Amino acid sequence: MPLPARIPSHLWRMLATLIGGAFLLSDLAPIPTKAANHPDVADLGATACQAVIEIFRNRDPTAIDRFFSEPFVQHDPNIADGLSGLKAFAADVASSATANVTIYRTLVDDDIVMLHSKYEGVPGFAGPVIAFDLFRFKGGKMVEHWGGQDAKVGPNPSGHTQVDGPTAVVDRDRTETNRTLVRAFKQTVTVELRFDRVDEFIDGDHYIQHASKVGDRVARMKSRVSEVAKPGVAPVLMPRRYVAEGNFVLALVEARTEPPTANYDLFRVQNGKIAEHWDVLSPIPPRNQWKNANGPF
């Protein structure tokens, strides 16, 4: 099926940022206790954290055999499929003198773990990157991965960085309510382009924005959106996956821009409204440059 006419990337990347909008693990992640044999929610998060620390901070390629299992499905188009592709990637990381990771936020949603991190020494990047990783577990080991990353930059117009702000997961009893809120926001504002309804979903007076080029408060969002939103344009930003725990909800969005991107939008919900937003707009290379055939979504 042919895609809708493509919109210039700078306009839709701006729109993606505008309408886009756990625990701090800066040194050591908890050592998993039972995940290898009897996984539970707490263990899955600890296992994912420990795995990336072993690979990036300890530069240990043998961690792949301890934390991952075949058949392994890789969705990051920059990494080859299966454990062999992951081992090759880990070997490249191990050869980097600057390799390191800082994990800021961890969400556990059934068998999926989300990590929001800063990586250093990533193959193909000249400097630090901000990244979102999604890992799917089976039998206590990781068997599938989605990931997006973009270069680390300085504070945005309101002085916020790409990673600062609250990290603690609370309100776990409201996980599904908050997921529903973010899903409705994405459908109404992103897909249907109903910008007049933004106030139904966002706490405009206290909305905090961590996207690199946009400041706080919904008034700025509305004024900037009016510059790029065009009536009658076919949907370009298509939500593909939601990951939620408590007050945090991540939306993975396919951006049919030119060039295309995989957009990772993380929202913090407070008192029934979206109160804060972080993102990564990860460029998708041309299809003939993908290192696996699974697709980024």
Protein backbone atom coordinates (compact mmCIF):
# COMPACT_ATOMS: atom_id res chain seq x y z
CA MET A 1 0.00 0.00 0.00
CA PRO A 2 1.50 3.36 -0.95
CA LEU A 3 2.32 5.71 1.92
CA PRO A 4 0.74 9.17 2.13
CA ALA A 5 2.65 12.05 0.59
CA ARG A 6 5.69 12.72 2.70
CA ILE A 7 5.99 15.91 4.69
CA PRO A 8 9.36 17.70 5.04
CA SER A 9 11.18 16.13 7.95
CA HIS A 10 11.91 19.38 9.81
CA LEU A 11 8.20 20.17 10.03
CA TRP A 12 7.08 16.75 11.18
CA ARG A 13 9.99 16.28 13.55
CA MET A 14 8.90 19.59 15.10
CA LEU A 15 5.30 18.37 15.24
CA ALA A 16 6.36 15.04 16.72
CA THR A 17 8.22 16.87 19.47
CA LEU A 18 5.44 19.35 20.13
CA ILE A 19 2.62 16.87 20.50
CA GLY A 20 4.78 14.20 22.03
CA GLY A 21 4.35 16.51 24.57
CA ALA A 22 12.38 3.79 37.64
CA PHE A 23 14.69 4.76 39.53
CA LEU A 24 17.90 6.64 38.91
CA LEU A 25 20.65 4.12 38.28
CA SER A 26 23.72 6.26 37.73
CA ASP A 27 26.29 3.97 39.25
CA LEU A 28 25.18 0.41 39.92
CA ALA A 29 21.99 -1.42 39.14
CA PRO A 30 20.61 -3.99 41.59
CA ILE A 31 21.87 -7.50 40.99
CA PRO A 32 19.02 -9.75 39.81
CA THR A 33 18.10 -12.34 42.40
CA LYS A 34 15.73 -14.83 40.79
CA ALA A 35 15.18 -13.73 37.20
CA ALA A 36 17.34 -16.43 35.68
CA ASN A 37 14.99 -19.19 36.85
CA HIS A 38 11.88 -17.67 38.44
CA PRO A 39 11.30 -14.24 36.91
CA ASP A 40 9.01 -11.73 38.52
CA VAL A 41 8.42 -8.05 37.84
CA ALA A 42 11.19 -6.69 40.05
CA ASP A 43 13.71 -9.19 38.71
CA LEU A 44 13.04 -8.35 35.07
CA GLY A 45 13.87 -4.68 35.56
CA ALA A 46 17.01 -5.53 37.53
CA THR A 47 18.09 -8.06 34.91
CA ALA A 48 17.74 -5.61 32.02
CA CYS A 49 19.69 -2.95 33.93
CA GLN A 50 22.46 -5.34 34.86
CA ALA A 51 22.74 -6.62 31.28
CA VAL A 52 23.36 -3.20 29.75
CA ILE A 53 25.79 -2.32 32.55
CA GLU A 54 27.76 -5.50 31.88
CA ILE A 55 27.91 -4.72 28.16
CA PHE A 56 28.61 -0.97 28.30
CA ARG A 57 30.24 -0.23 31.64
CA ASN A 58 32.06 -3.49 32.24
CA ARG A 59 32.63 -4.05 28.49
CA ASP A 60 31.98 -7.76 28.82
CA PRO A 61 30.74 -9.40 25.58
CA THR A 62 30.20 -12.70 27.40
CA ALA A 63 27.20 -11.08 29.10
CA ILE A 64 25.20 -11.86 25.96
CA ASP A 65 25.12 -15.57 26.83
CA ARG A 66 24.12 -14.87 30.44
CA PHE A 67 21.25 -12.46 29.80
CA PHE A 68 19.92 -13.20 26.29
CA SER A 69 18.49 -16.29 24.59
CA GLU A 70 17.76 -17.60 21.11
CA PRO A 71 15.66 -17.18 19.10
CA PHE A 72 16.56 -13.51 19.60
CA VAL A 73 14.70 -10.93 17.50
CA GLN A 74 16.41 -7.59 16.91
CA HIS A 75 14.40 -4.54 15.79
CA ASP A 76 17.10 -1.88 15.97
CA PRO A 77 17.99 -1.57 12.26
CA ASN A 78 21.61 -0.79 13.16
CA ILE A 79 22.23 -4.21 14.79
CA ALA A 80 22.20 -7.61 13.08
CA ASP A 81 19.61 -10.21 14.09
CA GLY A 82 20.04 -13.03 16.59
CA LEU A 83 22.60 -13.51 19.32
CA SER A 84 25.38 -13.44 16.75
CA GLY A 85 24.46 -9.87 15.81
CA LEU A 86 24.22 -8.88 19.45
CA LYS A 87 27.60 -10.43 20.21
CA ALA A 88 29.21 -8.53 17.34
CA PHE A 89 27.71 -5.30 18.67
CA ALA A 90 28.93 -6.05 22.21
CA ALA A 91 32.42 -6.77 20.89
CA ASP A 92 32.46 -3.35 19.18
CA VAL A 93 31.40 -1.72 22.45
CA ALA A 94 34.12 -3.58 24.36
CA SER A 95 36.73 -2.11 22.03
CA SER A 96 35.67 1.45 22.89
CA ALA A 97 37.69 3.18 25.61
CA THR A 98 34.75 5.50 26.37
CA ALA A 99 31.95 2.94 26.61
CA ASN A 100 29.61 3.57 29.55
CA VAL A 101 25.93 3.79 30.47
CA THR A 102 23.79 5.74 32.92
CA ILE A 103 20.24 4.44 33.40
CA TYR A 104 17.70 7.04 34.49
CA ARG A 105 14.29 5.35 34.26
CA THR A 106 13.10 1.75 34.30
CA LEU A 107 9.56 0.57 33.55
CA VAL A 108 8.29 -3.01 33.73
CA ASP A 109 5.13 -3.84 31.80
CA ASP A 110 4.35 -7.58 31.95
CA ASP A 111 7.22 -9.17 29.96
CA ILE A 112 8.56 -5.87 28.57
CA VAL A 113 11.17 -3.69 30.27
CA MET A 114 11.87 -0.11 29.17
CA LEU A 115 15.14 1.65 29.95
CA HIS A 116 15.75 5.39 29.46
CA SER A 117 19.50 5.90 29.41
CA LYS A 118 22.56 7.83 28.33
CA TYR A 119 25.14 5.75 26.44
CA GLU A 120 28.72 6.61 25.68
CA GLY A 121 30.94 4.83 23.18
CA VAL A 122 28.05 3.63 20.98
CA PRO A 123 29.34 2.35 17.61
CA GLY A 124 28.52 4.86 14.89
CA PHE A 125 28.14 7.90 17.19
CA ALA A 126 30.80 10.52 17.83
CA GLY A 127 29.53 11.40 21.32
CA PRO A 128 27.01 10.44 24.00
CA VAL A 129 23.49 9.47 22.98
CA ILE A 130 20.16 9.44 24.78
CA ALA A 131 18.30 6.19 24.20
CA PHE A 132 15.21 4.18 24.89
CA ASP A 133 15.46 0.39 24.94
CA LEU A 134 12.61 -2.12 25.09
CA PHE A 135 13.44 -5.71 26.02
CA ARG A 136 10.98 -8.62 25.90
CA PHE A 137 11.63 -11.46 28.32
CA LYS A 138 10.86 -15.15 28.11
CA GLY A 139 11.94 -17.60 30.79
CA GLY A 140 14.02 -14.98 32.59
CA LYS A 141 16.13 -14.03 29.56
CA MET A 142 15.75 -11.34 26.91
CA VAL A 143 14.53 -12.58 23.53
CA GLU A 144 13.55 -9.40 21.68
CA HIS A 145 14.75 -5.78 21.52
CA TRP A 146 13.54 -2.47 20.15
CA GLY A 147 15.76 0.58 20.50
CA GLY A 148 16.10 4.20 19.45
CA GLN A 149 18.79 6.76 20.12
CA ASP A 150 19.69 10.34 19.30
CA ALA A 151 22.63 12.60 20.10
CA LYS A 152 22.82 14.20 23.54
CA VAL A 153 22.39 17.98 23.32
CA GLY A 154 22.24 20.88 25.76
CA PRO A 155 19.25 22.15 27.76
CA ASN A 156 16.08 23.20 25.95
CA PRO A 157 14.58 26.75 26.00
CA SER A 158 13.14 26.10 29.49
CA GLY A 159 16.43 24.80 30.86
CA HIS A 160 15.48 21.11 30.98
CA THR A 161 17.77 18.35 29.74
CA GLN A 162 16.80 15.22 27.85
CA VAL A 163 16.97 13.11 31.03
CA ASP A 164 16.41 15.22 34.15
CA GLY A 165 13.19 15.22 36.16
CA PRO A 166 11.31 12.62 38.26
CA THR A 167 12.37 8.98 38.03
CA ALA A 168 10.29 7.17 40.66
CA VAL A 169 7.40 4.99 39.51
CA VAL A 170 4.29 5.67 41.62
CA ASP A 171 0.52 5.13 41.25
CA ARG A 172 0.93 1.59 39.98
CA ASP A 173 -2.77 1.02 40.59
CA ARG A 174 -3.43 3.60 37.84
CA THR A 175 -1.25 1.98 35.17
CA GLU A 176 -4.09 1.05 32.82
CA THR A 177 -5.93 4.34 33.37
CA ASN A 178 -2.79 6.25 32.47
CA ARG A 179 -2.11 4.05 29.45
CA THR A 180 -5.64 4.74 28.23
CA LEU A 181 -5.14 8.49 28.69
CA VAL A 182 -1.94 8.54 26.64
CA ARG A 183 -3.42 6.27 23.98
CA ALA A 184 -6.42 8.61 23.63
CA PHE A 185 -4.10 11.63 23.47
CA LYS A 186 -2.04 10.06 20.71
CA GLN A 187 -5.09 9.00 18.71
CA THR A 188 -6.92 12.30 19.09
CA VAL A 189 -4.03 14.74 18.67
CA THR A 190 -1.42 12.80 16.70
CA VAL A 191 -3.57 10.76 14.35
CA GLU A 192 -6.75 12.82 14.06
CA LEU A 193 -4.88 16.14 14.37
CA ARG A 194 -7.45 17.54 16.83
CA PHE A 195 -5.16 20.16 18.31
CA ASP A 196 -8.18 21.96 19.76
CA ARG A 197 -8.54 19.09 22.26
CA VAL A 198 -5.00 19.20 23.69
CA ASP A 199 -6.29 20.66 26.97
CA GLU A 200 -8.30 17.50 27.63
CA PHE A 201 -5.09 15.54 28.04
CA ILE A 202 -2.31 17.91 29.13
CA ASP A 203 -1.92 19.96 32.31
CA GLY A 204 -1.15 23.16 30.43
CA ASP A 205 -0.27 25.31 33.44
CA HIS A 206 2.34 22.86 34.75
CA TYR A 207 3.38 20.93 31.62
CA ILE A 208 7.16 20.26 31.61
CA GLN A 209 8.93 19.59 28.32
CA HIS A 210 12.30 17.84 27.95
CA ALA A 211 12.40 17.75 24.14
CA SER A 212 15.53 19.58 23.09
CA LYS A 213 13.98 22.42 21.06
CA VAL A 214 10.69 23.10 22.85
CA GLY A 215 9.91 24.90 26.11
CA ASP A 216 7.35 24.32 28.84
CA ARG A 217 3.59 24.97 28.91
CA VAL A 218 0.93 24.01 26.42
CA ALA A 219 0.57 27.58 25.05
CA ARG A 220 3.95 27.21 23.34
CA MET A 221 2.84 23.89 21.94
CA LYS A 222 -0.32 25.35 20.44
CA SER A 223 1.41 28.33 18.85
CA ARG A 224 4.11 26.15 17.30
CA VAL A 225 1.70 23.43 16.17
CA SER A 226 -0.33 26.03 14.26
CA GLU A 227 2.74 26.67 12.12
CA VAL A 228 2.99 23.07 10.87
CA ALA A 229 -0.46 21.45 11.16
CA LYS A 230 -2.25 21.40 7.80
CA PRO A 231 -5.93 20.46 7.36
CA GLY A 232 -6.53 17.33 5.30
CA VAL A 233 -3.06 15.86 5.70
CA ALA A 234 -3.05 12.07 6.00
CA PRO A 235 -1.76 10.71 9.34
CA VAL A 236 2.01 10.73 9.45
CA LEU A 237 2.68 9.96 13.13
CA MET A 238 1.35 6.46 13.79
CA PRO A 239 1.51 4.96 17.33
CA ARG A 240 2.69 1.34 17.24
CA ARG A 241 3.28 0.27 20.85
CA TYR A 242 2.62 1.41 24.42
CA VAL A 243 4.59 0.45 27.53
CA ALA A 244 3.28 1.60 30.91
CA GLU A 245 3.97 1.31 34.61
CA GLY A 246 2.28 3.55 37.15
CA ASN A 247 2.66 7.22 36.31
CA PHE A 248 4.87 6.65 33.24
CA VAL A 249 3.70 5.68 29.74
CA LEU A 250 5.94 5.23 26.70
CA ALA A 251 4.53 5.46 23.17
CA LEU A 252 6.58 4.08 20.27
CA VAL A 253 5.50 5.98 17.15
CA GLU A 254 6.22 5.42 13.47
CA ALA A 255 6.94 8.81 11.85
CA ARG A 256 6.39 8.58 8.09
CA THR A 257 8.57 11.59 7.45
CA GLU A 258 11.41 12.12 5.04
CA PRO A 259 13.65 10.74 6.36
CA PRO A 260 11.53 8.46 8.59
CA THR A 261 12.07 8.20 12.33
CA ALA A 262 11.11 5.93 15.21
CA ASN A 263 9.80 8.28 17.91
CA TYR A 264 9.99 7.22 21.55
CA ASP A 265 7.69 9.48 23.61
CA LEU A 266 7.76 9.05 27.39
CA PHE A 267 5.02 10.76 29.40
CA ARG A 268 4.57 11.27 33.13
CA VAL A 269 0.95 11.47 34.25
CA GLN A 270 -0.14 13.32 37.38
CA ASN A 271 -3.68 13.86 38.66
CA GLY A 272 -5.21 12.45 35.49
CA LYS A 273 -3.33 14.69 33.05
CA ILE A 274 -0.05 14.49 31.13
CA ALA A 275 2.38 16.61 33.13
CA GLU A 276 5.82 15.89 31.61
CA HIS A 277 7.41 14.59 28.39
CA TRP A 278 10.76 13.20 27.24
CA ASP A 279 11.56 11.91 23.75
CA VAL A 280 14.01 10.45 21.28
CA LEU A 281 13.46 10.84 17.53
CA SER A 282 15.61 8.04 16.16
CA PRO A 283 16.44 8.19 12.43
CA ILE A 284 15.60 5.05 10.46
CA PRO A 285 18.23 4.31 7.81
CA PRO A 286 17.21 3.41 4.23
CA ARG A 287 15.84 -0.11 3.93
CA ASN A 288 18.89 -1.37 2.04
CA GLN A 289 21.07 -0.38 5.01
CA TRP A 290 19.14 -2.30 7.66
CA LYS A 291 21.18 -4.99 9.39
CA ASN A 292 18.07 -7.09 10.13
CA ALA A 293 14.77 -7.64 8.35
CA ASN A 294 12.45 -7.31 11.38
CA GLY A 295 11.62 -3.62 11.12
CA PRO A 296 11.94 -1.02 13.90
CA PHE A 297 8.37 -1.43 15.22
